[in-house]
Amino acid sequence: MSTLAHILSGSYIAIASGNIDPSQTQYIIAAVVSASILDADHLFSIVNDRKMYKEKGYSGNLHNARTMLHELIGYAFIGALALAISFYDAKMGYVIGVAAMV
């Protein structure tokens, strides 16, 4: 549920604050992907530790399912990527950066 909340809130804030029109689907897709990419690292842990999650469940146990993307290194990488993209398309860089950072 937390992942879904991150995706919805991050992409909504990026789209709303960036004045993205509903017809600009490339920005909407970028916002959704960018808002969800940092939580994709949970999949790696869920696959590797599936026996533990089967026994104990997911609730309260996903705090161990984090990679370096959830740390400062991940945010610095996303920020640098958004900055680089902004030299070609400022709105795209903004949407990617805001959606990921939220």
C-alpha atoms as a PDB file:
ATOM      1  CA  MET A   1       0.000   0.000   0.000  1.00  0.00           C
ATOM      2  CA  SER A   2       2.908   2.340   0.734  1.00  0.00           C
ATOM      3  CA  THR A   3       4.300   1.832  -2.760  1.00  0.00           C
ATOM      4  CA  LEU A   4       0.969   2.742  -4.305  1.00  0.00           C
ATOM      5  CA  ALA A   5       0.783   5.847  -2.107  1.00  0.00           C
ATOM      6  CA  HIS A   6       4.272   6.882  -3.247  1.00  0.00           C
ATOM      7  CA  ILE A   7       3.374   6.401  -6.893  1.00  0.00           C
ATOM      8  CA  LEU A   8       0.099   8.299  -6.668  1.00  0.00           C
ATOM      9  CA  SER A   9       1.335  11.178  -4.534  1.00  0.00           C
ATOM     10  CA  GLY A  10       4.675  11.624  -6.293  1.00  0.00           C
ATOM     11  CA  SER A  11       3.259  11.550  -9.779  1.00  0.00           C
ATOM     12  CA  TYR A  12       0.278  13.747  -8.863  1.00  0.00           C
ATOM     13  CA  ILE A  13       2.454  16.430  -7.259  1.00  0.00           C
ATOM     14  CA  ALA A  14       4.855  16.431 -10.218  1.00  0.00           C
ATOM     15  CA  ILE A  15       2.027  16.619 -12.751  1.00  0.00           C
ATOM     16  CA  ALA A  16       0.055  19.282 -10.872  1.00  0.00           C
ATOM     17  CA  SER A  17       3.021  21.498 -10.003  1.00  0.00           C
ATOM     18  CA  GLY A  18       4.475  21.144 -13.490  1.00  0.00           C
ATOM     19  CA  ASN A  19       1.211  22.268 -15.123  1.00  0.00           C
ATOM     20  CA  ILE A  20       1.092  19.113 -17.209  1.00  0.00           C
ATOM     21  CA  ASP A  21      -1.890  18.926 -19.548  1.00  0.00           C
ATOM     22  CA  PRO A  22      -3.715  15.549 -19.785  1.00  0.00           C
ATOM     23  CA  SER A  23      -2.757  15.379 -23.459  1.00  0.00           C
ATOM     24  CA  GLN A  24       0.962  15.383 -22.576  1.00  0.00           C
ATOM     25  CA  THR A  25       1.128  11.649 -21.976  1.00  0.00           C
ATOM     26  CA  GLN A  26       4.919  11.433 -22.176  1.00  0.00           C
ATOM     27  CA  TYR A  27       5.176  13.578 -19.025  1.00  0.00           C
ATOM     28  CA  ILE A  28       2.467  11.629 -17.227  1.00  0.00           C
ATOM     29  CA  ILE A  29       4.183   8.331 -18.013  1.00  0.00           C
ATOM     30  CA  ALA A  30       7.553   9.750 -16.919  1.00  0.00           C
ATOM     31  CA  ALA A  31       6.018  10.939 -13.635  1.00  0.00           C
ATOM     32  CA  VAL A  32       4.472   7.553 -12.861  1.00  0.00           C
ATOM     33  CA  VAL A  33       7.643   5.638 -13.754  1.00  0.00           C
ATOM     34  CA  SER A  34       9.854   8.053 -11.845  1.00  0.00           C
ATOM     35  CA  ALA A  35       7.634   7.947  -8.761  1.00  0.00           C
ATOM     36  CA  SER A  36       7.641   4.147  -8.758  1.00  0.00           C
ATOM     37  CA  ILE A  37      11.251   3.383  -9.667  1.00  0.00           C
ATOM     38  CA  LEU A  38      12.660   3.923  -6.170  1.00  0.00           C
ATOM     39  CA  ASP A  39      10.222   1.403  -4.704  1.00  0.00           C
ATOM     40  CA  ALA A  40      11.077  -1.176  -7.359  1.00  0.00           C
ATOM     41  CA  ASP A  41      13.992  -2.260  -5.196  1.00  0.00           C
ATOM     42  CA  HIS A  42      11.499  -4.024  -2.930  1.00  0.00           C
ATOM     43  CA  LEU A  43      10.946  -6.579  -5.701  1.00  0.00           C
ATOM     44  CA  PHE A  44      14.538  -7.806  -5.475  1.00  0.00           C
ATOM     45  CA  SER A  45      14.209  -8.514  -1.766  1.00  0.00           C
ATOM     46  CA  ILE A  46      10.733 -10.005  -2.081  1.00  0.00           C
ATOM     47  CA  VAL A  47      11.975 -12.485  -4.676  1.00  0.00           C
ATOM     48  CA  ASN A  48      15.109 -13.393  -2.693  1.00  0.00           C
ATOM     49  CA  ASP A  49      13.369 -13.686   0.692  1.00  0.00           C
ATOM     50  CA  ARG A  50      10.044 -15.086  -0.484  1.00  0.00           C
ATOM     51  CA  LYS A  51      10.125 -17.924   2.080  1.00  0.00           C
ATOM     52  CA  MET A  52      10.413 -15.462   4.966  1.00  0.00           C
ATOM     53  CA  TYR A  53       7.640 -13.250   3.570  1.00  0.00           C
ATOM     54  CA  LYS A  54       5.437 -16.304   3.048  1.00  0.00           C
ATOM     55  CA  GLU A  55       5.825 -17.209   6.727  1.00  0.00           C
ATOM     56  CA  LYS A  56       5.767 -13.742   8.322  1.00  0.00           C
ATOM     57  CA  GLY A  57       3.879 -11.709   5.728  1.00  0.00           C
ATOM     58  CA  TYR A  58       4.801  -8.365   4.194  1.00  0.00           C
ATOM     59  CA  SER A  59       3.371  -6.063   6.824  1.00  0.00           C
ATOM     60  CA  GLY A  60       6.147  -4.685   9.000  1.00  0.00           C
ATOM     61  CA  ASN A  61       8.872  -6.636   7.213  1.00  0.00           C
ATOM     62  CA  LEU A  62       9.618  -4.517   4.141  1.00  0.00           C
ATOM     63  CA  HIS A  63      12.033  -2.263   6.029  1.00  0.00           C
ATOM     64  CA  ASN A  64      14.746  -4.800   5.184  1.00  0.00           C
ATOM     65  CA  ALA A  65      13.806  -4.686   1.500  1.00  0.00           C
ATOM     66  CA  ARG A  66      15.818  -1.592   0.671  1.00  0.00           C
ATOM     67  CA  THR A  67      18.762  -1.057  -1.616  1.00  0.00           C
ATOM     68  CA  MET A  68      21.016   1.942  -2.027  1.00  0.00           C
ATOM     69  CA  LEU A  69      18.286   3.583  -4.154  1.00  0.00           C
ATOM     70  CA  HIS A  70      16.449   4.387  -0.918  1.00  0.00           C
ATOM     71  CA  GLU A  71      19.504   6.171   0.427  1.00  0.00           C
ATOM     72  CA  LEU A  72      21.207   9.449  -0.402  1.00  0.00           C
ATOM     73  CA  ILE A  73      23.100   7.775  -3.249  1.00  0.00           C
ATOM     74  CA  GLY A  74      19.844   6.922  -5.006  1.00  0.00           C
ATOM     75  CA  TYR A  75      18.467  10.435  -4.621  1.00  0.00           C
ATOM     76  CA  ALA A  76      21.727  11.940  -5.847  1.00  0.00           C
ATOM     77  CA  PHE A  77      21.625   9.641  -8.881  1.00  0.00           C
ATOM     78  CA  ILE A  78      17.997  10.545  -9.682  1.00  0.00           C
ATOM     79  CA  GLY A  79      18.775  14.236  -9.163  1.00  0.00           C
ATOM     80  CA  ALA A  80      21.743  14.088 -11.518  1.00  0.00           C
ATOM     81  CA  LEU A  81      19.665  12.221 -14.092  1.00  0.00           C
ATOM     82  CA  ALA A  82      16.862  14.802 -13.845  1.00  0.00           C
ATOM     83  CA  LEU A  83      19.408  17.609 -14.207  1.00  0.00           C
ATOM     84  CA  ALA A  84      20.947  16.025 -17.288  1.00  0.00           C
ATOM     85  CA  ILE A  85      17.527  15.501 -18.862  1.00  0.00           C
ATOM     86  CA  SER A  86      16.544  19.098 -18.089  1.00  0.00           C
ATOM     87  CA  PHE A  87      19.221  20.350 -20.502  1.00  0.00           C
ATOM     88  CA  TYR A  88      17.229  18.716 -23.328  1.00  0.00           C
ATOM     89  CA  ASP A  89      13.698  19.061 -21.944  1.00  0.00           C
ATOM     90  CA  ALA A  90      13.318  21.223 -18.828  1.00  0.00           C
ATOM     91  CA  LYS A  91       9.753  20.105 -18.134  1.00  0.00           C
ATOM     92  CA  MET A  92      10.715  16.420 -18.370  1.00  0.00           C
ATOM     93  CA  GLY A  93      13.641  16.925 -15.998  1.00  0.00           C
ATOM     94  CA  TYR A  94      11.348  18.704 -13.541  1.00  0.00           C
ATOM     95  CA  VAL A  95       8.685  15.995 -13.684  1.00  0.00           C
ATOM     96  CA  ILE A  96      11.199  13.181 -13.227  1.00  0.00           C
ATOM     97  CA  GLY A  97      13.000  14.932 -10.390  1.00  0.00           C
ATOM     98  CA  VAL A  98       9.923  15.979  -8.431  1.00  0.00           C
ATOM     99  CA  ALA A  99       8.091  12.659  -8.829  1.00  0.00           C
ATOM    100  CA  ALA A 100      11.112  10.691  -7.626  1.00  0.00           C
ATOM    101  CA  MET A 101      11.985  12.979  -4.737  1.00  0.00           C
ATOM    102  CA  VAL A 102       8.447  13.043  -3.346  1.00  0.00           C
END
